[in-house]
Amino acid sequence: MQHRGEDVVPIPGTRRQKYLEENLAALSVELTPEDLAAIEAAAPREEIAGARYDATSLTFVNH
């Protein structure tokens, strides 16, 4: 189930095999409609939207 769409893909970084295995295990997690509703209630989309970096922080990106 792709709740947010096929184009939303997390890119986890890790330095240890143990954490890579944990990340891969997340592929088998299935959220119920109740789980998704609880997540949406805790972090509504309209309150999360916005710029990723403020103007000052943006000066440090891609340098």
PDB file of N, CA and C in Angstrom:
ATOM      1  N   MET A   1       0.843  -1.187   0.000  1.00  0.00           N
ATOM      2  CA  MET A   1       0.000   0.000   0.000  1.00  0.00           C
ATOM      3  C   MET A   1       0.881   1.241   0.000  1.00  0.00           C
ATOM      4  N   GLN A   2       0.663   2.086  -0.943  1.00  0.00           N
ATOM      5  CA  GLN A   2       1.434   3.322  -1.049  1.00  0.00           C
ATOM      6  C   GLN A   2       0.529   4.480  -0.655  1.00  0.00           C
ATOM      7  N   HIS A   3       0.467   4.776   0.632  1.00  0.00           N
ATOM      8  CA  HIS A   3      -0.449   5.801   1.120  1.00  0.00           C
ATOM      9  C   HIS A   3      -0.151   7.187   0.566  1.00  0.00           C
ATOM     10  N   ARG A   4       1.095   7.544   0.478  1.00  0.00           N
ATOM     11  CA  ARG A   4       1.474   8.873   0.016  1.00  0.00           C
ATOM     12  C   ARG A   4       1.810   8.903  -1.465  1.00  0.00           C
ATOM     13  N   GLY A   5       1.779   7.778  -2.115  1.00  0.00           N
ATOM     14  CA  GLY A   5       2.046   7.726  -3.542  1.00  0.00           C
ATOM     15  C   GLY A   5       3.297   6.939  -3.861  1.00  0.00           C
ATOM     16  N   GLU A   6       3.388   6.498  -5.087  1.00  0.00           N
ATOM     17  CA  GLU A   6       4.535   5.705  -5.542  1.00  0.00           C
ATOM     18  C   GLU A   6       5.815   6.537  -5.611  1.00  0.00           C
ATOM     19  N   ASP A   7       5.681   7.868  -5.655  1.00  0.00           N
ATOM     20  CA  ASP A   7       6.846   8.725  -5.829  1.00  0.00           C
ATOM     21  C   ASP A   7       7.483   9.161  -4.515  1.00  0.00           C
ATOM     22  N   VAL A   8       6.956   8.701  -3.377  1.00  0.00           N
ATOM     23  CA  VAL A   8       7.511   9.048  -2.072  1.00  0.00           C
ATOM     24  C   VAL A   8       8.331   7.857  -1.588  1.00  0.00           C
ATOM     25  N   VAL A   9       9.646   8.038  -1.543  1.00  0.00           N
ATOM     26  CA  VAL A   9      10.536   6.941  -1.181  1.00  0.00           C
ATOM     27  C   VAL A   9      11.547   7.430  -0.143  1.00  0.00           C
ATOM     28  N   PRO A  10      11.588   6.808   1.030  1.00  0.00           N
ATOM     29  CA  PRO A  10      12.602   7.197   2.015  1.00  0.00           C
ATOM     30  C   PRO A  10      13.984   6.711   1.570  1.00  0.00           C
ATOM     31  N   ILE A  11      14.974   7.478   1.895  1.00  0.00           N
ATOM     32  CA  ILE A  11      16.351   7.093   1.577  1.00  0.00           C
ATOM     33  C   ILE A  11      17.136   7.089   2.887  1.00  0.00           C
ATOM     34  N   PRO A  12      17.083   5.966   3.616  1.00  0.00           N
ATOM     35  CA  PRO A  12      17.793   5.917   4.886  1.00  0.00           C
ATOM     36  C   PRO A  12      19.295   5.758   4.676  1.00  0.00           C
ATOM     37  N   GLY A  13      20.041   6.391   5.525  1.00  0.00           N
ATOM     38  CA  GLY A  13      21.495   6.220   5.486  1.00  0.00           C
ATOM     39  C   GLY A  13      21.926   5.408   6.693  1.00  0.00           C
ATOM     40  N   THR A  14      22.940   4.630   6.535  1.00  0.00           N
ATOM     41  CA  THR A  14      23.423   3.840   7.665  1.00  0.00           C
ATOM     42  C   THR A  14      24.886   3.487   7.451  1.00  0.00           C
ATOM     43  N   ARG A  15      25.568   3.262   8.540  1.00  0.00           N
ATOM     44  CA  ARG A  15      26.979   2.872   8.467  1.00  0.00           C
ATOM     45  C   ARG A  15      27.210   1.447   8.946  1.00  0.00           C
ATOM     46  N   ARG A  16      26.182   0.841   9.493  1.00  0.00           N
ATOM     47  CA  ARG A  16      26.348  -0.495  10.040  1.00  0.00           C
ATOM     48  C   ARG A  16      25.332  -1.460   9.436  1.00  0.00           C
ATOM     49  N   GLN A  17      25.761  -2.678   9.221  1.00  0.00           N
ATOM     50  CA  GLN A  17      24.888  -3.687   8.630  1.00  0.00           C
ATOM     51  C   GLN A  17      23.651  -3.913   9.482  1.00  0.00           C
ATOM     52  N   LYS A  18      23.802  -3.873  10.799  1.00  0.00           N
ATOM     53  CA  LYS A  18      22.669  -4.072  11.706  1.00  0.00           C
ATOM     54  C   LYS A  18      21.547  -3.087  11.385  1.00  0.00           C
ATOM     55  N   TYR A  19      21.896  -1.837  11.167  1.00  0.00           N
ATOM     56  CA  TYR A  19      20.884  -0.814  10.901  1.00  0.00           C
ATOM     57  C   TYR A  19      20.316  -0.951   9.490  1.00  0.00           C
ATOM     58  N   LEU A  20      21.117  -1.398   8.558  1.00  0.00           N
ATOM     59  CA  LEU A  20      20.622  -1.675   7.214  1.00  0.00           C
ATOM     60  C   LEU A  20      19.564  -2.777   7.274  1.00  0.00           C
ATOM     61  N   GLU A  21      19.840  -3.806   8.047  1.00  0.00           N
ATOM     62  CA  GLU A  21      18.884  -4.901   8.193  1.00  0.00           C
ATOM     63  C   GLU A  21      17.587  -4.405   8.841  1.00  0.00           C
ATOM     64  N   GLU A  22      17.699  -3.521   9.833  1.00  0.00           N
ATOM     65  CA  GLU A  22      16.500  -2.952  10.456  1.00  0.00           C
ATOM     66  C   GLU A  22      15.704  -2.145   9.438  1.00  0.00           C
ATOM     67  N   ASN A  23      16.402  -1.350   8.634  1.00  0.00           N
ATOM     68  CA  ASN A  23      15.725  -0.551   7.615  1.00  0.00           C
ATOM     69  C   ASN A  23      15.011  -1.447   6.607  1.00  0.00           C
ATOM     70  N   LEU A  24      15.663  -2.508   6.175  1.00  0.00           N
ATOM     71  CA  LEU A  24      15.050  -3.429   5.211  1.00  0.00           C
ATOM     72  C   LEU A  24      13.847  -4.145   5.813  1.00  0.00           C
ATOM     73  N   ALA A  25      13.894  -4.432   7.111  1.00  0.00           N
ATOM     74  CA  ALA A  25      12.770  -5.091   7.772  1.00  0.00           C
ATOM     75  C   ALA A  25      11.525  -4.210   7.750  1.00  0.00           C
ATOM     76  N   ALA A  26      11.711  -2.904   7.651  1.00  0.00           N
ATOM     77  CA  ALA A  26      10.570  -1.983   7.600  1.00  0.00           C
ATOM     78  C   ALA A  26       9.724  -2.188   6.352  1.00  0.00           C
ATOM     79  N   LEU A  27      10.274  -2.832   5.326  1.00  0.00           N
ATOM     80  CA  LEU A  27       9.505  -3.113   4.118  1.00  0.00           C
ATOM     81  C   LEU A  27       8.290  -3.992   4.402  1.00  0.00           C
ATOM     82  N   SER A  28       8.371  -4.793   5.453  1.00  0.00           N
ATOM     83  CA  SER A  28       7.271  -5.708   5.762  1.00  0.00           C
ATOM     84  C   SER A  28       6.221  -5.086   6.692  1.00  0.00           C
ATOM     85  N   VAL A  29       6.439  -3.865   7.130  1.00  0.00           N
ATOM     86  CA  VAL A  29       5.479  -3.198   8.011  1.00  0.00           C
ATOM     87  C   VAL A  29       4.289  -2.727   7.187  1.00  0.00           C
ATOM     88  N   GLU A  30       3.102  -3.057   7.645  1.00  0.00           N
ATOM     89  CA  GLU A  30       1.878  -2.607   6.989  1.00  0.00           C
ATOM     90  C   GLU A  30       1.069  -1.807   7.999  1.00  0.00           C
ATOM     91  N   LEU A  31       0.773  -0.565   7.654  1.00  0.00           N
ATOM     92  CA  LEU A  31      -0.012   0.286   8.539  1.00  0.00           C
ATOM     93  C   LEU A  31      -1.491   0.124   8.228  1.00  0.00           C
ATOM     94  N   THR A  32      -2.289   0.050   9.279  1.00  0.00           N
ATOM     95  CA  THR A  32      -3.734  -0.053   9.115  1.00  0.00           C
ATOM     96  C   THR A  32      -4.306   1.344   8.851  1.00  0.00           C
ATOM     97  N   PRO A  33      -5.528   1.423   8.389  1.00  0.00           N
ATOM     98  CA  PRO A  33      -6.159   2.741   8.249  1.00  0.00           C
ATOM     99  C   PRO A  33      -6.168   3.513   9.574  1.00  0.00           C
ATOM    100  N   GLU A  34      -6.323   2.789  10.682  1.00  0.00           N
ATOM    101  CA  GLU A  34      -6.290   3.434  11.998  1.00  0.00           C
ATOM    102  C   GLU A  34      -4.909   4.005  12.300  1.00  0.00           C
ATOM    103  N   ASP A  35      -3.855   3.259  11.950  1.00  0.00           N
ATOM    104  CA  ASP A  35      -2.487   3.754  12.130  1.00  0.00           C
ATOM    105  C   ASP A  35      -2.273   5.039  11.334  1.00  0.00           C
ATOM    106  N   LEU A  36      -2.699   5.011  10.070  1.00  0.00           N
ATOM    107  CA  LEU A  36      -2.520   6.177   9.198  1.00  0.00           C
ATOM    108  C   LEU A  36      -3.291   7.381   9.721  1.00  0.00           C
ATOM    109  N   ALA A  37      -4.493   7.150  10.236  1.00  0.00           N
ATOM    110  CA  ALA A  37      -5.294   8.242  10.798  1.00  0.00           C
ATOM    111  C   ALA A  37      -4.615   8.828  12.034  1.00  0.00           C
ATOM    112  N   ALA A  38      -4.031   7.981  12.860  1.00  0.00           N
ATOM    113  CA  ALA A  38      -3.338   8.460  14.059  1.00  0.00           C
ATOM    114  C   ALA A  38      -2.106   9.284  13.680  1.00  0.00           C
ATOM    115  N   ILE A  39      -1.384   8.856  12.660  1.00  0.00           N
ATOM    116  CA  ILE A  39      -0.215   9.608  12.192  1.00  0.00           C
ATOM    117  C   ILE A  39      -0.655  10.954  11.631  1.00  0.00           C
ATOM    118  N   GLU A  40      -1.698  10.947  10.827  1.00  0.00           N
ATOM    119  CA  GLU A  40      -2.203  12.190  10.248  1.00  0.00           C
ATOM    120  C   GLU A  40      -2.687  13.146  11.334  1.00  0.00           C
ATOM    121  N   ALA A  41      -3.310  12.622  12.386  1.00  0.00           N
ATOM    122  CA  ALA A  41      -3.783  13.460  13.490  1.00  0.00           C
ATOM    123  C   ALA A  41      -2.607  14.054  14.265  1.00  0.00           C
ATOM    124  N   ALA A  42      -1.551  13.285  14.419  1.00  0.00           N
ATOM    125  CA  ALA A  42      -0.383  13.754  15.169  1.00  0.00           C
ATOM    126  C   ALA A  42       0.461  14.743  14.369  1.00  0.00           C
ATOM    127  N   ALA A  43       0.473  14.583  13.052  1.00  0.00           N
ATOM    128  CA  ALA A  43       1.299  15.440  12.186  1.00  0.00           C
ATOM    129  C   ALA A  43       0.527  15.771  10.918  1.00  0.00           C
ATOM    130  N   PRO A  44      -0.471  16.663  11.016  1.00  0.00           N
ATOM    131  CA  PRO A  44      -1.275  16.998   9.835  1.00  0.00           C
ATOM    132  C   PRO A  44      -0.430  17.598   8.718  1.00  0.00           C
ATOM    133  N   ARG A  45      -0.714  17.195   7.491  1.00  0.00           N
ATOM    134  CA  ARG A  45       0.051  17.675   6.331  1.00  0.00           C
ATOM    135  C   ARG A  45       0.136  19.187   6.265  1.00  0.00           C
ATOM    136  N   GLU A  46      -0.988  19.855   6.494  1.00  0.00           N
ATOM    137  CA  GLU A  46      -1.001  21.309   6.348  1.00  0.00           C
ATOM    138  C   GLU A  46      -0.109  22.009   7.370  1.00  0.00           C
ATOM    139  N   GLU A  47       0.224  21.354   8.455  1.00  0.00           N
ATOM    140  CA  GLU A  47       1.108  21.954   9.451  1.00  0.00           C
ATOM    141  C   GLU A  47       2.574  21.595   9.217  1.00  0.00           C
ATOM    142  N   ILE A  48       2.834  20.652   8.348  1.00  0.00           N
ATOM    143  CA  ILE A  48       4.190  20.185   8.089  1.00  0.00           C
ATOM    144  C   ILE A  48       4.771  20.830   6.827  1.00  0.00           C
ATOM    145  N   ALA A  49       3.931  21.343   5.967  1.00  0.00           N
ATOM    146  CA  ALA A  49       4.378  21.897   4.687  1.00  0.00           C
ATOM    147  C   ALA A  49       5.217  23.151   4.886  1.00  0.00           C
ATOM    148  N   GLY A  50       6.080  23.400   3.926  1.00  0.00           N
ATOM    149  CA  GLY A  50       6.878  24.614   3.964  1.00  0.00           C
ATOM    150  C   GLY A  50       8.278  24.377   3.456  1.00  0.00           C
ATOM    151  N   ALA A  51       9.060  25.414   3.528  1.00  0.00           N
ATOM    152  CA  ALA A  51      10.438  25.331   3.058  1.00  0.00           C
ATOM    153  C   ALA A  51      11.243  24.380   3.933  1.00  0.00           C
ATOM    154  N   ARG A  52      12.144  23.666   3.314  1.00  0.00           N
ATOM    155  CA  ARG A  52      12.983  22.738   4.064  1.00  0.00           C
ATOM    156  C   ARG A  52      14.048  23.484   4.855  1.00  0.00           C
ATOM    157  N   TYR A  53      14.579  24.534   4.280  1.00  0.00           N
ATOM    158  CA  TYR A  53      15.625  25.324   4.924  1.00  0.00           C
ATOM    159  C   TYR A  53      15.209  26.788   4.982  1.00  0.00           C
ATOM    160  N   ASP A  54      15.608  27.487   6.047  1.00  0.00           N
ATOM    161  CA  ASP A  54      15.402  28.931   6.064  1.00  0.00           C
ATOM    162  C   ASP A  54      16.502  29.576   5.224  1.00  0.00           C
ATOM    163  N   ALA A  55      16.410  30.880   4.992  1.00  0.00           N
ATOM    164  CA  ALA A  55      17.343  31.570   4.079  1.00  0.00           C
ATOM    165  C   ALA A  55      18.810  31.405   4.518  1.00  0.00           C
ATOM    166  N   THR A  56      19.066  31.514   5.806  1.00  0.00           N
ATOM    167  CA  THR A  56      20.449  31.377   6.299  1.00  0.00           C
ATOM    168  C   THR A  56      20.978  29.966   6.081  1.00  0.00           C
ATOM    169  N   SER A  57      20.186  28.965   6.451  1.00  0.00           N
ATOM    170  CA  SER A  57      20.617  27.567   6.300  1.00  0.00           C
ATOM    171  C   SER A  57      20.812  27.204   4.842  1.00  0.00           C
ATOM    172  N   LEU A  58      20.004  27.785   3.961  1.00  0.00           N
ATOM    173  CA  LEU A  58      20.100  27.494   2.536  1.00  0.00           C
ATOM    174  C   LEU A  58      21.457  27.894   1.962  1.00  0.00           C
ATOM    175  N   THR A  59      22.122  28.862   2.548  1.00  0.00           N
ATOM    176  CA  THR A  59      23.434  29.269   2.048  1.00  0.00           C
ATOM    177  C   THR A  59      24.497  28.182   2.226  1.00  0.00           C
ATOM    178  N   PHE A  60      24.234  27.232   3.112  1.00  0.00           N
ATOM    179  CA  PHE A  60      25.196  26.148   3.371  1.00  0.00           C
ATOM    180  C   PHE A  60      24.927  24.902   2.525  1.00  0.00           C
ATOM    181  N   VAL A  61      23.825  24.869   1.804  1.00  0.00           N
ATOM    182  CA  VAL A  61      23.437  23.702   1.016  1.00  0.00           C
ATOM    183  C   VAL A  61      24.212  23.695  -0.307  1.00  0.00           C
ATOM    184  N   ASN A  62      24.686  22.518  -0.681  1.00  0.00           N
ATOM    185  CA  ASN A  62      25.411  22.317  -1.954  1.00  0.00           C
ATOM    186  C   ASN A  62      26.677  23.151  -2.072  1.00  0.00           C
ATOM    187  N   HIS A  63      27.387  23.316  -0.995  1.00  0.00           N
ATOM    188  CA  HIS A  63      28.693  24.019  -1.064  1.00  0.00           C
ATOM    189  C   HIS A  63      29.814  23.072  -0.797  1.00  0.00           C
TER     190      HIS A  63
END
